[in-house]
Amino acid sequence: MKIGIVVYSWSGNTLSVAGKLREHLIGAGHSVELLPITVAGTRERGARKFELGPLPDLDSYEGVVFGGAVEAFSLTPVLSAYLEQMAPLAGKKVACLVTQQFPYPWMGGSRAIRQMKKICMRKGGTIVGAAVVNWAASRREKTASAAIESLGRAF
């Protein structure tokens, strides 16, 4: 399956998990590309005003993973803006990935996943998986490994 991993990562944490997921999916026989979302110029963390850079085109992918961080107990506004502007996802399998600093998914991660799913379903995507990675040092490896395994099985 040809899979695109669309990711916005302000600090590099989400990008590092997305890179490991990419390698896992390639190891399972998929063709996978990492598609970063960028902003024009600079963006301070939490800023709601920004301009997106060139938008990744998803037409050639059968599956898509969207990844972003939790900001203020919600999905990062950059990924949210991209999801709202992207083309329809009809016929595509979709998985959602978020990273967060707080220790429990109910502290923003679950809400961010719900926000992503709602937009993706409205765009016609079929949700096949979702995962929250806690970035606190004591949970990072365990939650990242679980997320990668879970999302890998989704495809």
N, C-alpha and C. Protein backbone atom coordinates (compact mmCIF):
# COMPACT_ATOMS: atom_id res chain seq x y z
N MET A 1 0.85 -1.18 0.00
CA MET A 1 0.00 0.00 0.00
C MET A 1 0.89 1.24 0.00
N LYS A 2 0.48 2.25 -0.72
CA LYS A 2 1.21 3.52 -0.74
C LYS A 2 0.62 4.42 0.34
N ILE A 3 1.46 4.79 1.32
CA ILE A 3 1.01 5.54 2.48
C ILE A 3 1.79 6.86 2.59
N GLY A 4 1.08 7.93 2.85
CA GLY A 4 1.70 9.22 3.12
C GLY A 4 1.54 9.54 4.60
N ILE A 5 2.63 9.98 5.22
CA ILE A 5 2.56 10.41 6.62
C ILE A 5 2.70 11.93 6.61
N VAL A 6 1.60 12.61 6.84
CA VAL A 6 1.54 14.07 6.84
C VAL A 6 1.72 14.53 8.28
N VAL A 7 2.77 15.30 8.53
CA VAL A 7 3.10 15.64 9.91
C VAL A 7 3.49 17.10 10.06
N TYR A 8 2.99 17.71 11.13
CA TYR A 8 3.48 19.02 11.54
C TYR A 8 4.16 18.84 12.89
N SER A 9 5.41 19.25 12.95
CA SER A 9 6.18 19.09 14.18
C SER A 9 6.94 20.37 14.47
N TRP A 10 6.53 21.04 15.52
CA TRP A 10 7.18 22.30 15.90
C TRP A 10 8.52 22.04 16.56
N SER A 11 8.60 21.04 17.43
CA SER A 11 9.83 20.79 18.19
C SER A 11 10.65 19.62 17.66
N GLY A 12 10.07 18.82 16.78
CA GLY A 12 10.76 17.63 16.28
C GLY A 12 10.29 16.34 16.94
N ASN A 13 9.54 16.43 18.02
CA ASN A 13 9.08 15.23 18.72
C ASN A 13 8.13 14.41 17.84
N THR A 14 7.12 15.05 17.29
CA THR A 14 6.16 14.33 16.46
C THR A 14 6.84 13.79 15.21
N LEU A 15 7.74 14.56 14.65
CA LEU A 15 8.48 14.12 13.47
C LEU A 15 9.30 12.86 13.77
N SER A 16 9.88 12.78 14.96
CA SER A 16 10.69 11.60 15.29
C SER A 16 9.82 10.35 15.37
N VAL A 17 8.62 10.46 15.93
CA VAL A 17 7.71 9.31 15.99
C VAL A 17 7.24 8.96 14.57
N ALA A 18 6.94 9.96 13.77
CA ALA A 18 6.50 9.73 12.39
C ALA A 18 7.60 9.02 11.59
N GLY A 19 8.85 9.38 11.83
CA GLY A 19 9.96 8.72 11.14
C GLY A 19 10.07 7.26 11.52
N LYS A 20 9.89 6.95 12.79
CA LYS A 20 9.92 5.55 13.24
C LYS A 20 8.73 4.77 12.68
N LEU A 21 7.57 5.41 12.60
CA LEU A 21 6.40 4.77 12.01
C LEU A 21 6.67 4.49 10.54
N ARG A 22 7.28 5.43 9.85
CA ARG A 22 7.62 5.24 8.44
C ARG A 22 8.48 4.00 8.27
N GLU A 23 9.53 3.88 9.05
CA GLU A 23 10.41 2.72 8.95
C GLU A 23 9.68 1.42 9.26
N HIS A 24 8.80 1.45 10.25
CA HIS A 24 8.00 0.28 10.60
C HIS A 24 7.11 -0.15 9.43
N LEU A 25 6.45 0.80 8.81
CA LEU A 25 5.55 0.51 7.70
C LEU A 25 6.33 0.02 6.47
N ILE A 26 7.50 0.59 6.23
CA ILE A 26 8.34 0.12 5.12
C ILE A 26 8.76 -1.33 5.39
N GLY A 27 9.12 -1.62 6.63
CA GLY A 27 9.48 -2.98 7.01
C GLY A 27 8.35 -3.98 6.80
N ALA A 28 7.12 -3.49 6.84
CA ALA A 28 5.95 -4.34 6.63
C ALA A 28 5.58 -4.44 5.15
N GLY A 29 6.39 -3.83 4.27
CA GLY A 29 6.18 -3.96 2.84
C GLY A 29 5.44 -2.82 2.16
N HIS A 30 5.17 -1.75 2.88
CA HIS A 30 4.46 -0.62 2.29
C HIS A 30 5.45 0.37 1.66
N SER A 31 4.95 1.16 0.74
CA SER A 31 5.69 2.28 0.17
C SER A 31 5.24 3.52 0.95
N VAL A 32 6.17 4.18 1.64
CA VAL A 32 5.79 5.24 2.57
C VAL A 32 6.62 6.50 2.35
N GLU A 33 5.94 7.63 2.33
CA GLU A 33 6.62 8.93 2.24
C GLU A 33 6.23 9.79 3.42
N LEU A 34 7.21 10.52 3.95
CA LEU A 34 6.99 11.49 5.01
C LEU A 34 6.75 12.84 4.36
N LEU A 35 5.62 13.46 4.68
CA LEU A 35 5.20 14.71 4.04
C LEU A 35 5.03 15.80 5.10
N PRO A 36 6.08 16.57 5.35
CA PRO A 36 5.97 17.60 6.40
C PRO A 36 5.09 18.78 5.98
N ILE A 37 4.34 19.29 6.94
CA ILE A 37 3.59 20.53 6.76
C ILE A 37 4.47 21.64 7.27
N THR A 38 4.57 22.70 6.50
CA THR A 38 5.40 23.83 6.89
C THR A 38 4.56 25.10 6.97
N VAL A 39 5.10 26.07 7.68
CA VAL A 39 4.50 27.39 7.71
C VAL A 39 5.46 28.35 7.04
N ALA A 40 4.90 29.37 6.37
CA ALA A 40 5.72 30.39 5.74
C ALA A 40 6.28 31.28 6.84
N GLY A 41 7.56 31.50 6.83
CA GLY A 41 8.18 32.32 7.87
C GLY A 41 8.30 31.54 9.17
N THR A 42 8.16 32.24 10.28
CA THR A 42 8.27 31.59 11.58
C THR A 42 6.93 31.65 12.29
N ARG A 43 6.78 30.74 13.24
CA ARG A 43 5.56 30.70 14.05
C ARG A 43 5.96 30.44 15.49
N GLU A 44 5.52 31.29 16.37
CA GLU A 44 5.74 31.06 17.79
C GLU A 44 4.76 30.00 18.26
N ARG A 45 5.19 29.17 19.19
CA ARG A 45 4.31 28.11 19.72
C ARG A 45 3.04 28.76 20.27
N GLY A 46 1.89 28.21 19.89
CA GLY A 46 0.61 28.72 20.34
C GLY A 46 0.01 29.79 19.44
N ALA A 47 0.79 30.35 18.52
CA ALA A 47 0.28 31.40 17.64
C ALA A 47 -0.84 30.86 16.75
N ARG A 48 -1.89 31.61 16.63
CA ARG A 48 -3.04 31.21 15.81
C ARG A 48 -3.02 31.86 14.43
N LYS A 49 -2.14 32.83 14.25
CA LYS A 49 -2.03 33.49 12.95
C LYS A 49 -0.73 33.03 12.29
N PHE A 50 -0.87 32.42 11.13
CA PHE A 50 0.27 31.92 10.38
C PHE A 50 -0.20 31.63 8.97
N GLU A 51 0.74 31.43 8.08
CA GLU A 51 0.42 31.07 6.71
C GLU A 51 1.07 29.73 6.43
N LEU A 52 0.29 28.79 5.93
CA LEU A 52 0.83 27.48 5.60
C LEU A 52 1.73 27.56 4.38
N GLY A 53 2.77 26.74 4.39
CA GLY A 53 3.62 26.60 3.21
C GLY A 53 2.90 25.73 2.18
N PRO A 54 3.62 25.25 1.18
CA PRO A 54 2.99 24.38 0.17
C PRO A 54 2.34 23.17 0.83
N LEU A 55 1.13 22.85 0.41
CA LEU A 55 0.37 21.75 1.01
C LEU A 55 0.71 20.42 0.33
N PRO A 56 1.00 19.39 1.12
CA PRO A 56 1.24 18.07 0.53
C PRO A 56 0.00 17.59 -0.23
N ASP A 57 0.24 17.03 -1.41
CA ASP A 57 -0.83 16.48 -2.25
C ASP A 57 -0.99 15.00 -1.92
N LEU A 58 -2.20 14.59 -1.62
CA LEU A 58 -2.47 13.22 -1.17
C LEU A 58 -3.11 12.34 -2.23
N ASP A 59 -3.26 12.82 -3.44
CA ASP A 59 -3.97 12.07 -4.48
C ASP A 59 -3.43 10.68 -4.72
N SER A 60 -2.12 10.49 -4.68
CA SER A 60 -1.53 9.21 -5.06
C SER A 60 -1.46 8.19 -3.92
N TYR A 61 -1.95 8.54 -2.73
CA TYR A 61 -1.84 7.65 -1.57
C TYR A 61 -3.15 6.92 -1.31
N GLU A 62 -3.02 5.63 -0.95
CA GLU A 62 -4.18 4.83 -0.56
C GLU A 62 -4.47 4.97 0.93
N GLY A 63 -3.41 5.24 1.69
CA GLY A 63 -3.52 5.43 3.12
C GLY A 63 -2.78 6.68 3.55
N VAL A 64 -3.27 7.32 4.60
CA VAL A 64 -2.64 8.54 5.11
C VAL A 64 -2.63 8.51 6.63
N VAL A 65 -1.50 8.89 7.20
CA VAL A 65 -1.40 9.10 8.64
C VAL A 65 -1.20 10.59 8.83
N PHE A 66 -2.01 11.19 9.70
CA PHE A 66 -1.85 12.60 10.03
C PHE A 66 -1.26 12.67 11.43
N GLY A 67 -0.21 13.46 11.59
CA GLY A 67 0.43 13.58 12.89
C GLY A 67 0.68 15.01 13.29
N GLY A 68 0.43 15.29 14.57
CA GLY A 68 0.66 16.62 15.11
C GLY A 68 0.68 16.55 16.63
N ALA A 69 1.00 17.67 17.22
CA ALA A 69 1.08 17.75 18.68
C ALA A 69 -0.17 18.37 19.28
N VAL A 70 -0.28 18.18 20.57
CA VAL A 70 -1.33 18.84 21.34
C VAL A 70 -0.81 20.21 21.75
N GLU A 71 -1.62 21.23 21.54
CA GLU A 71 -1.32 22.58 21.99
C GLU A 71 -2.55 23.10 22.71
N ALA A 72 -2.39 23.50 23.95
CA ALA A 72 -3.50 24.04 24.74
C ALA A 72 -4.68 23.07 24.79
N PHE A 73 -4.37 21.78 25.02
CA PHE A 73 -5.38 20.73 25.15
C PHE A 73 -6.17 20.46 23.88
N SER A 74 -5.66 20.89 22.72
CA SER A 74 -6.32 20.69 21.43
C SER A 74 -5.27 20.35 20.38
N LEU A 75 -5.74 19.99 19.20
CA LEU A 75 -4.85 19.74 18.08
C LEU A 75 -4.13 21.03 17.70
N THR A 76 -2.85 20.93 17.38
CA THR A 76 -2.11 22.11 16.94
C THR A 76 -2.87 22.82 15.81
N PRO A 77 -2.98 24.14 15.87
CA PRO A 77 -3.73 24.87 14.85
C PRO A 77 -3.17 24.69 13.44
N VAL A 78 -1.87 24.40 13.32
CA VAL A 78 -1.28 24.24 11.99
C VAL A 78 -1.84 22.99 11.31
N LEU A 79 -1.85 21.86 12.00
CA LEU A 79 -2.41 20.65 11.40
C LEU A 79 -3.91 20.80 11.18
N SER A 80 -4.58 21.43 12.10
CA SER A 80 -6.02 21.67 11.94
C SER A 80 -6.30 22.48 10.68
N ALA A 81 -5.51 23.53 10.45
CA ALA A 81 -5.69 24.36 9.25
C ALA A 81 -5.43 23.55 7.98
N TYR A 82 -4.38 22.72 8.00
CA TYR A 82 -4.10 21.87 6.84
C TYR A 82 -5.27 20.92 6.56
N LEU A 83 -5.76 20.26 7.61
CA LEU A 83 -6.86 19.30 7.44
C LEU A 83 -8.09 19.97 6.84
N GLU A 84 -8.37 21.18 7.27
CA GLU A 84 -9.54 21.90 6.74
C GLU A 84 -9.35 22.27 5.27
N GLN A 85 -8.10 22.52 4.85
CA GLN A 85 -7.84 22.97 3.48
C GLN A 85 -7.56 21.83 2.50
N MET A 86 -7.27 20.64 2.99
CA MET A 86 -6.89 19.54 2.10
C MET A 86 -8.08 19.09 1.25
N ALA A 87 -7.73 18.39 0.18
CA ALA A 87 -8.74 17.84 -0.73
C ALA A 87 -9.49 16.70 -0.04
N PRO A 88 -10.62 16.29 -0.58
CA PRO A 88 -11.36 15.17 0.00
C PRO A 88 -10.51 13.90 0.09
N LEU A 89 -10.86 13.05 1.04
CA LEU A 89 -10.13 11.81 1.32
C LEU A 89 -10.88 10.56 0.90
N ALA A 90 -11.88 10.69 0.07
CA ALA A 90 -12.73 9.57 -0.32
C ALA A 90 -11.89 8.38 -0.76
N GLY A 91 -12.18 7.21 -0.17
CA GLY A 91 -11.50 5.98 -0.53
C GLY A 91 -10.16 5.77 0.15
N LYS A 92 -9.75 6.67 1.00
CA LYS A 92 -8.46 6.54 1.68
C LYS A 92 -8.61 6.05 3.11
N LYS A 93 -7.70 5.16 3.51
CA LYS A 93 -7.61 4.76 4.90
C LYS A 93 -6.84 5.84 5.63
N VAL A 94 -7.32 6.23 6.82
CA VAL A 94 -6.73 7.33 7.57
C VAL A 94 -6.43 6.91 9.00
N ALA A 95 -5.24 7.26 9.47
CA ALA A 95 -4.89 7.07 10.88
C ALA A 95 -4.44 8.40 11.45
N CYS A 96 -4.65 8.58 12.75
CA CYS A 96 -4.32 9.84 13.42
C CYS A 96 -3.31 9.58 14.53
N LEU A 97 -2.33 10.46 14.63
CA LEU A 97 -1.26 10.36 15.62
C LEU A 97 -1.06 11.72 16.26
N VAL A 98 -1.05 11.76 17.59
CA VAL A 98 -0.70 13.00 18.29
C VAL A 98 0.34 12.71 19.36
N THR A 99 1.16 13.71 19.61
CA THR A 99 2.10 13.67 20.72
C THR A 99 1.70 14.75 21.71
N GLN A 100 1.97 14.49 22.98
CA GLN A 100 1.64 15.46 24.02
C GLN A 100 2.62 15.34 25.17
N GLN A 101 2.77 16.39 25.93
CA GLN A 101 3.66 16.39 27.08
C GLN A 101 3.00 15.82 28.33
N PHE A 102 1.71 16.08 28.48
CA PHE A 102 1.02 15.61 29.69
C PHE A 102 0.93 14.09 29.71
N PRO A 103 0.83 13.49 30.90
CA PRO A 103 0.97 12.04 31.03
C PRO A 103 -0.21 11.18 30.60
N TYR A 104 -1.39 11.74 30.45
CA TYR A 104 -2.55 10.92 30.13
C TYR A 104 -3.27 11.45 28.89
N PRO A 105 -3.76 10.55 28.03
CA PRO A 105 -4.43 11.00 26.81
C PRO A 105 -5.60 11.95 27.05
N TRP A 106 -6.30 11.82 28.17
CA TRP A 106 -7.44 12.69 28.43
C TRP A 106 -7.00 14.13 28.71
N MET A 107 -5.71 14.37 28.78
CA MET A 107 -5.20 15.72 29.03
C MET A 107 -4.87 16.44 27.71
N GLY A 108 -5.67 16.21 26.70
CA GLY A 108 -5.52 16.89 25.42
C GLY A 108 -5.40 15.95 24.23
N GLY A 109 -4.73 14.83 24.40
CA GLY A 109 -4.52 13.91 23.29
C GLY A 109 -5.81 13.33 22.73
N SER A 110 -6.69 12.90 23.62
CA SER A 110 -7.96 12.32 23.16
C SER A 110 -8.80 13.36 22.41
N ARG A 111 -8.78 14.58 22.90
CA ARG A 111 -9.54 15.65 22.23
C ARG A 111 -8.94 15.94 20.85
N ALA A 112 -7.61 15.98 20.77
CA ALA A 112 -6.96 16.24 19.48
C ALA A 112 -7.29 15.13 18.48
N ILE A 113 -7.30 13.89 18.94
CA ILE A 113 -7.66 12.77 18.06
C ILE A 113 -9.10 12.93 17.58
N ARG A 114 -10.01 13.27 18.48
CA ARG A 114 -11.42 13.48 18.08
C ARG A 114 -11.54 14.58 17.03
N GLN A 115 -10.78 15.66 17.22
CA GLN A 115 -10.81 16.76 16.26
C GLN A 115 -10.33 16.29 14.88
N MET A 116 -9.25 15.52 14.86
CA MET A 116 -8.71 15.02 13.60
C MET A 116 -9.71 14.08 12.92
N LYS A 117 -10.25 13.15 13.69
CA LYS A 117 -11.19 12.18 13.13
C LYS A 117 -12.41 12.88 12.52
N LYS A 118 -12.92 13.86 13.23
CA LYS A 118 -14.12 14.57 12.76
C LYS A 118 -13.88 15.21 11.40
N ILE A 119 -12.75 15.89 11.25
CA ILE A 119 -12.45 16.55 9.98
C ILE A 119 -12.23 15.50 8.89
N CYS A 120 -11.46 14.47 9.20
CA CYS A 120 -11.15 13.44 8.20
C CYS A 120 -12.39 12.68 7.75
N MET A 121 -13.29 12.37 8.66
CA MET A 121 -14.53 11.70 8.28
C MET A 121 -15.41 12.62 7.43
N ARG A 122 -15.43 13.89 7.79
CA ARG A 122 -16.20 14.86 7.00
C ARG A 122 -15.64 14.96 5.58
N LYS A 123 -14.34 14.73 5.42
CA LYS A 123 -13.69 14.77 4.11
C LYS A 123 -13.79 13.43 3.39
N GLY A 124 -14.45 12.43 4.00
CA GLY A 124 -14.68 11.16 3.34
C GLY A 124 -13.67 10.07 3.63
N GLY A 125 -12.73 10.31 4.54
CA GLY A 125 -11.75 9.29 4.89
C GLY A 125 -12.33 8.21 5.78
N THR A 126 -11.73 7.03 5.73
CA THR A 126 -12.13 5.92 6.59
C THR A 126 -11.09 5.78 7.70
N ILE A 127 -11.48 6.05 8.93
CA ILE A 127 -10.55 6.01 10.06
C ILE A 127 -10.23 4.54 10.38
N VAL A 128 -8.93 4.22 10.38
CA VAL A 128 -8.51 2.84 10.66
C VAL A 128 -7.68 2.74 11.94
N GLY A 129 -7.29 3.87 12.51
CA GLY A 129 -6.51 3.82 13.73
C GLY A 129 -6.20 5.19 14.28
N ALA A 130 -5.79 5.21 15.54
CA ALA A 130 -5.42 6.46 16.20
C ALA A 130 -4.53 6.12 17.39
N ALA A 131 -3.61 7.04 17.72
CA ALA A 131 -2.71 6.80 18.85
C ALA A 131 -2.23 8.12 19.42
N VAL A 132 -2.01 8.10 20.74
CA VAL A 132 -1.48 9.24 21.46
C VAL A 132 -0.14 8.83 22.07
N VAL A 133 0.89 9.64 21.84
CA VAL A 133 2.22 9.39 22.40
C VAL A 133 2.48 10.44 23.47
N ASN A 134 2.78 9.97 24.66
CA ASN A 134 3.12 10.86 25.76
C ASN A 134 4.62 11.13 25.72
N TRP A 135 5.01 12.39 25.74
CA TRP A 135 6.40 12.74 25.55
C TRP A 135 7.19 12.86 26.87
N ALA A 136 6.56 12.67 27.99
CA ALA A 136 7.29 12.67 29.27
C ALA A 136 8.31 11.54 29.23
N ALA A 137 9.48 11.78 29.76
CA ALA A 137 10.58 10.83 29.65
C ALA A 137 10.23 9.43 30.14
N SER A 138 9.47 9.33 31.20
CA SER A 138 9.16 8.02 31.76
C SER A 138 8.20 7.20 30.90
N ARG A 139 7.48 7.84 29.99
CA ARG A 139 6.48 7.13 29.18
C ARG A 139 6.77 7.17 27.69
N ARG A 140 7.73 7.94 27.29
CA ARG A 140 7.99 8.20 25.87
C ARG A 140 8.16 6.92 25.06
N GLU A 141 9.12 6.08 25.42
CA GLU A 141 9.41 4.88 24.64
C GLU A 141 8.23 3.92 24.61
N LYS A 142 7.60 3.73 25.76
CA LYS A 142 6.47 2.79 25.85
C LYS A 142 5.30 3.24 24.99
N THR A 143 4.92 4.51 25.09
CA THR A 143 3.76 4.98 24.33
C THR A 143 4.08 5.12 22.84
N ALA A 144 5.33 5.49 22.51
CA ALA A 144 5.72 5.59 21.10
C ALA A 144 5.71 4.21 20.45
N SER A 145 6.28 3.22 21.14
CA SER A 145 6.30 1.85 20.59
C SER A 145 4.89 1.31 20.41
N ALA A 146 4.03 1.55 21.40
CA ALA A 146 2.64 1.09 21.30
C ALA A 146 1.92 1.77 20.13
N ALA A 147 2.15 3.05 19.95
CA ALA A 147 1.53 3.79 18.85
C ALA A 147 1.99 3.25 17.50
N ILE A 148 3.27 3.03 17.36
CA ILE A 148 3.82 2.53 16.10
C ILE A 148 3.27 1.15 15.77
N GLU A 149 3.22 0.28 16.76
CA GLU A 149 2.67 -1.07 16.55
C GLU A 149 1.18 -0.99 16.17
N SER A 150 0.43 -0.20 16.89
CA SER A 150 -1.00 -0.08 16.65
C SER A 150 -1.29 0.50 15.26
N LEU A 151 -0.61 1.58 14.90
CA LEU A 151 -0.85 2.19 13.60
C LEU A 151 -0.32 1.31 12.48
N GLY A 152 0.75 0.57 12.75
CA GLY A 152 1.27 -0.36 11.75
C GLY A 152 0.25 -1.44 11.41
N ARG A 153 -0.44 -1.95 12.42
CA ARG A 153 -1.47 -2.96 12.21
C ARG A 153 -2.68 -2.41 11.45
N ALA A 154 -2.90 -1.11 11.55
CA ALA A 154 -4.06 -0.49 10.91
C ALA A 154 -3.98 -0.55 9.38
N PHE A 155 -2.76 -0.69 8.86
CA PHE A 155 -2.57 -0.75 7.42
C PHE A 155 -2.15 -2.14 6.99
